[in-house]
Amino acid sequence: MNTEIDNYTKDLWQNAVDIFDGLEKIKMTLVNIKISVAKMDNSEEARVMNAIASYIENSIDSIEEKTQFIRNISKEIGVINRSTEKEQS
């Protein structure tokens, strides 16, 4: 097992988790914005704010999918790295 690779994959995985957690906090803020907008009159401003919040939420969903992919790949690299050590023993 290459310890350096193992450390990099752990760091990569943890950073992806941290990004995902941060994005979840932003999504909760967007939910609160949407709730506030829903209480507003059906004005042009309210519709624009809701559209912007929805766009940001969709962008966050896309980023979360990519961070999930990064977590899965880094985990797989760690598994391969450990299995290489067993084969070399």
N, C-alpha and C. Protein backbone atom coordinates (compact mmCIF):
# COMPACT_ATOMS: atom_id res chain seq x y z
N MET A 1 0.85 -1.18 0.00
CA MET A 1 0.00 0.00 0.00
C MET A 1 0.89 1.23 0.00
N ASN A 2 0.54 2.15 -0.81
CA ASN A 2 1.25 3.42 -0.86
C ASN A 2 0.57 4.37 0.13
N THR A 3 1.28 4.67 1.21
CA THR A 3 0.72 5.52 2.27
C THR A 3 0.39 6.90 1.75
N GLU A 4 1.22 7.42 0.86
CA GLU A 4 0.97 8.75 0.31
C GLU A 4 -0.35 8.79 -0.47
N ILE A 5 -0.57 7.77 -1.29
CA ILE A 5 -1.83 7.69 -2.04
C ILE A 5 -3.00 7.56 -1.08
N ASP A 6 -2.83 6.74 -0.05
CA ASP A 6 -3.89 6.56 0.94
C ASP A 6 -4.24 7.89 1.62
N ASN A 7 -3.23 8.64 1.99
CA ASN A 7 -3.47 9.95 2.62
C ASN A 7 -4.16 10.92 1.68
N TYR A 8 -3.73 10.94 0.42
CA TYR A 8 -4.36 11.82 -0.56
C TYR A 8 -5.83 11.46 -0.76
N THR A 9 -6.13 10.17 -0.86
CA THR A 9 -7.52 9.77 -1.07
C THR A 9 -8.38 10.10 0.14
N LYS A 10 -7.82 9.96 1.34
CA LYS A 10 -8.57 10.34 2.55
C LYS A 10 -8.84 11.84 2.56
N ASP A 11 -7.83 12.63 2.22
CA ASP A 11 -8.01 14.09 2.17
C ASP A 11 -9.03 14.47 1.10
N LEU A 12 -8.94 13.85 -0.05
CA LEU A 12 -9.87 14.13 -1.14
C LEU A 12 -11.30 13.80 -0.72
N TRP A 13 -11.47 12.64 -0.11
CA TRP A 13 -12.80 12.22 0.35
C TRP A 13 -13.34 13.20 1.39
N GLN A 14 -12.51 13.58 2.36
CA GLN A 14 -12.97 14.49 3.41
C GLN A 14 -13.33 15.85 2.84
N ASN A 15 -12.54 16.34 1.90
CA ASN A 15 -12.87 17.63 1.28
C ASN A 15 -14.19 17.56 0.52
N ALA A 16 -14.44 16.46 -0.16
CA ALA A 16 -15.71 16.30 -0.86
C ALA A 16 -16.88 16.28 0.13
N VAL A 17 -16.68 15.62 1.27
CA VAL A 17 -17.71 15.60 2.31
C VAL A 17 -17.95 17.01 2.85
N ASP A 18 -16.87 17.74 3.10
CA ASP A 18 -17.00 19.10 3.61
C ASP A 18 -17.73 20.01 2.62
N ILE A 19 -17.42 19.86 1.34
CA ILE A 19 -18.10 20.65 0.30
C ILE A 19 -19.59 20.31 0.30
N PHE A 20 -19.90 19.03 0.35
CA PHE A 20 -21.30 18.59 0.36
C PHE A 20 -22.04 19.19 1.56
N ASP A 21 -21.41 19.15 2.73
CA ASP A 21 -22.03 19.71 3.94
C ASP A 21 -22.28 21.21 3.79
N GLY A 22 -21.30 21.92 3.23
CA GLY A 22 -21.47 23.35 3.01
C GLY A 22 -22.59 23.66 2.04
N LEU A 23 -22.70 22.85 1.00
CA LEU A 23 -23.77 23.04 0.02
C LEU A 23 -25.14 22.78 0.64
N GLU A 24 -25.22 21.81 1.53
CA GLU A 24 -26.49 21.53 2.21
C GLU A 24 -26.93 22.73 3.04
N LYS A 25 -25.98 23.41 3.66
CA LYS A 25 -26.32 24.61 4.45
C LYS A 25 -26.85 25.72 3.54
N ILE A 26 -26.22 25.86 2.37
CA ILE A 26 -26.69 26.86 1.41
C ILE A 26 -28.10 26.51 0.93
N LYS A 27 -28.34 25.22 0.68
CA LYS A 27 -29.67 24.80 0.24
C LYS A 27 -30.73 25.12 1.29
N MET A 28 -30.41 24.95 2.55
CA MET A 28 -31.37 25.26 3.61
C MET A 28 -31.67 26.76 3.62
N THR A 29 -30.66 27.57 3.37
CA THR A 29 -30.87 29.02 3.27
C THR A 29 -31.80 29.33 2.10
N LEU A 30 -31.59 28.65 0.99
CA LEU A 30 -32.46 28.87 -0.18
C LEU A 30 -33.90 28.46 0.11
N VAL A 31 -34.08 27.41 0.87
CA VAL A 31 -35.44 27.00 1.26
C VAL A 31 -36.10 28.12 2.05
N ASN A 32 -35.35 28.70 2.98
CA ASN A 32 -35.89 29.81 3.77
C ASN A 32 -36.23 31.01 2.89
N ILE A 33 -35.38 31.27 1.90
CA ILE A 33 -35.66 32.37 0.96
C ILE A 33 -36.95 32.08 0.20
N LYS A 34 -37.10 30.85 -0.28
CA LYS A 34 -38.31 30.49 -1.02
C LYS A 34 -39.56 30.61 -0.15
N ILE A 35 -39.44 30.23 1.10
CA ILE A 35 -40.58 30.37 2.02
C ILE A 35 -40.94 31.85 2.18
N SER A 36 -39.92 32.68 2.36
CA SER A 36 -40.16 34.12 2.50
C SER A 36 -40.79 34.70 1.24
N VAL A 37 -40.29 34.28 0.09
CA VAL A 37 -40.81 34.77 -1.19
C VAL A 37 -42.27 34.33 -1.36
N ALA A 38 -42.58 33.12 -0.92
CA ALA A 38 -43.96 32.62 -1.06
C ALA A 38 -44.94 33.46 -0.25
N LYS A 39 -44.45 34.08 0.81
CA LYS A 39 -45.31 34.92 1.65
C LYS A 39 -45.50 36.31 1.06
N MET A 40 -44.68 36.65 0.07
CA MET A 40 -44.78 37.96 -0.56
C MET A 40 -45.95 37.98 -1.54
N ASP A 41 -46.33 39.18 -1.89
CA ASP A 41 -47.33 39.31 -2.96
C ASP A 41 -46.77 38.69 -4.22
N ASN A 42 -47.62 38.31 -5.11
CA ASN A 42 -47.19 37.70 -6.37
C ASN A 42 -46.64 38.78 -7.31
N SER A 43 -45.59 39.43 -6.85
CA SER A 43 -45.01 40.52 -7.62
C SER A 43 -43.92 40.00 -8.55
N GLU A 44 -43.51 40.86 -9.45
CA GLU A 44 -42.41 40.52 -10.36
C GLU A 44 -41.15 40.24 -9.56
N GLU A 45 -40.91 41.04 -8.54
CA GLU A 45 -39.72 40.85 -7.70
C GLU A 45 -39.74 39.48 -7.03
N ALA A 46 -40.88 39.06 -6.53
CA ALA A 46 -41.00 37.75 -5.88
C ALA A 46 -40.73 36.63 -6.88
N ARG A 47 -41.27 36.77 -8.09
CA ARG A 47 -41.05 35.74 -9.11
C ARG A 47 -39.58 35.66 -9.50
N VAL A 48 -38.93 36.81 -9.61
CA VAL A 48 -37.51 36.84 -9.96
C VAL A 48 -36.68 36.19 -8.85
N MET A 49 -36.97 36.55 -7.61
CA MET A 49 -36.22 35.97 -6.48
C MET A 49 -36.42 34.46 -6.42
N ASN A 50 -37.63 34.00 -6.67
CA ASN A 50 -37.90 32.56 -6.66
C ASN A 50 -37.16 31.86 -7.80
N ALA A 51 -37.12 32.47 -8.96
CA ALA A 51 -36.41 31.89 -10.10
C ALA A 51 -34.91 31.80 -9.82
N ILE A 52 -34.36 32.84 -9.22
CA ILE A 52 -32.94 32.84 -8.88
C ILE A 52 -32.64 31.75 -7.86
N ALA A 53 -33.48 31.65 -6.83
CA ALA A 53 -33.28 30.62 -5.80
C ALA A 53 -33.35 29.22 -6.41
N SER A 54 -34.28 29.02 -7.32
CA SER A 54 -34.41 27.71 -7.99
C SER A 54 -33.18 27.40 -8.84
N TYR A 55 -32.69 28.40 -9.55
CA TYR A 55 -31.49 28.21 -10.38
C TYR A 55 -30.29 27.84 -9.50
N ILE A 56 -30.12 28.55 -8.40
CA ILE A 56 -29.00 28.25 -7.49
C ILE A 56 -29.17 26.85 -6.91
N GLU A 57 -30.38 26.49 -6.54
CA GLU A 57 -30.64 25.17 -5.98
C GLU A 57 -30.30 24.07 -6.99
N ASN A 58 -30.67 24.26 -8.24
CA ASN A 58 -30.33 23.29 -9.29
C ASN A 58 -28.82 23.19 -9.48
N SER A 59 -28.13 24.31 -9.42
CA SER A 59 -26.67 24.31 -9.54
C SER A 59 -26.04 23.54 -8.39
N ILE A 60 -26.56 23.76 -7.19
CA ILE A 60 -26.04 23.05 -6.02
C ILE A 60 -26.26 21.55 -6.17
N ASP A 61 -27.42 21.15 -6.65
CA ASP A 61 -27.69 19.72 -6.87
C ASP A 61 -26.65 19.11 -7.81
N SER A 62 -26.31 19.84 -8.86
CA SER A 62 -25.31 19.36 -9.81
C SER A 62 -23.94 19.22 -9.15
N ILE A 63 -23.57 20.20 -8.35
CA ILE A 63 -22.28 20.14 -7.64
C ILE A 63 -22.28 18.99 -6.65
N GLU A 64 -23.40 18.77 -5.97
CA GLU A 64 -23.48 17.65 -5.02
C GLU A 64 -23.30 16.31 -5.72
N GLU A 65 -23.85 16.17 -6.91
CA GLU A 65 -23.66 14.94 -7.68
C GLU A 65 -22.18 14.73 -8.00
N LYS A 66 -21.51 15.80 -8.35
CA LYS A 66 -20.09 15.70 -8.68
C LYS A 66 -19.25 15.38 -7.44
N THR A 67 -19.60 15.96 -6.30
CA THR A 67 -18.85 15.64 -5.08
C THR A 67 -19.10 14.20 -4.66
N GLN A 68 -20.31 13.69 -4.90
CA GLN A 68 -20.59 12.28 -4.62
C GLN A 68 -19.71 11.39 -5.49
N PHE A 69 -19.56 11.76 -6.76
CA PHE A 69 -18.69 11.01 -7.67
C PHE A 69 -17.25 11.03 -7.16
N ILE A 70 -16.77 12.20 -6.72
CA ILE A 70 -15.41 12.32 -6.19
C ILE A 70 -15.23 11.44 -4.96
N ARG A 71 -16.21 11.44 -4.07
CA ARG A 71 -16.12 10.59 -2.87
C ARG A 71 -16.05 9.12 -3.26
N ASN A 72 -16.89 8.71 -4.20
CA ASN A 72 -16.88 7.31 -4.62
C ASN A 72 -15.56 6.92 -5.27
N ILE A 73 -15.04 7.77 -6.12
CA ILE A 73 -13.77 7.48 -6.79
C ILE A 73 -12.63 7.42 -5.78
N SER A 74 -12.57 8.37 -4.84
CA SER A 74 -11.49 8.36 -3.86
C SER A 74 -11.57 7.13 -2.97
N LYS A 75 -12.78 6.71 -2.64
CA LYS A 75 -12.96 5.49 -1.85
C LYS A 75 -12.46 4.28 -2.64
N GLU A 76 -12.80 4.23 -3.92
CA GLU A 76 -12.38 3.12 -4.77
C GLU A 76 -10.86 3.08 -4.92
N ILE A 77 -10.23 4.24 -5.05
CA ILE A 77 -8.77 4.30 -5.13
C ILE A 77 -8.17 3.74 -3.85
N GLY A 78 -8.74 4.10 -2.70
CA GLY A 78 -8.26 3.57 -1.42
C GLY A 78 -8.38 2.06 -1.35
N VAL A 79 -9.49 1.52 -1.83
CA VAL A 79 -9.69 0.07 -1.83
C VAL A 79 -8.66 -0.60 -2.72
N ILE A 80 -8.44 -0.05 -3.90
CA ILE A 80 -7.45 -0.62 -4.83
C ILE A 80 -6.06 -0.53 -4.23
N ASN A 81 -5.75 0.60 -3.60
CA ASN A 81 -4.44 0.79 -2.99
C ASN A 81 -4.20 -0.25 -1.89
N ARG A 82 -5.21 -0.51 -1.08
CA ARG A 82 -5.07 -1.50 -0.01
C ARG A 82 -4.97 -2.92 -0.56
N SER A 83 -5.72 -3.21 -1.62
CA SER A 83 -5.66 -4.55 -2.20
C SER A 83 -4.31 -4.80 -2.86
N THR A 84 -3.68 -3.75 -3.36
CA THR A 84 -2.35 -3.86 -3.94
C THR A 84 -1.35 -4.29 -2.87
N GLU A 85 -1.52 -3.75 -1.66
CA GLU A 85 -0.63 -4.11 -0.55
C GLU A 85 -0.78 -5.60 -0.23
N LYS A 86 -2.01 -6.10 -0.21
CA LYS A 86 -2.25 -7.51 0.10
C LYS A 86 -1.63 -8.41 -0.96
N GLU A 87 -1.70 -8.00 -2.22
CA GLU A 87 -1.13 -8.79 -3.31
C GLU A 87 0.39 -8.83 -3.23
N GLN A 88 0.99 -7.75 -2.74
CA GLN A 88 2.44 -7.67 -2.66
C GLN A 88 2.99 -8.40 -1.44
N SER A 89 2.14 -8.71 -0.48
CA SER A 89 2.58 -9.39 0.75
C SER A 89 2.82 -10.85 0.52
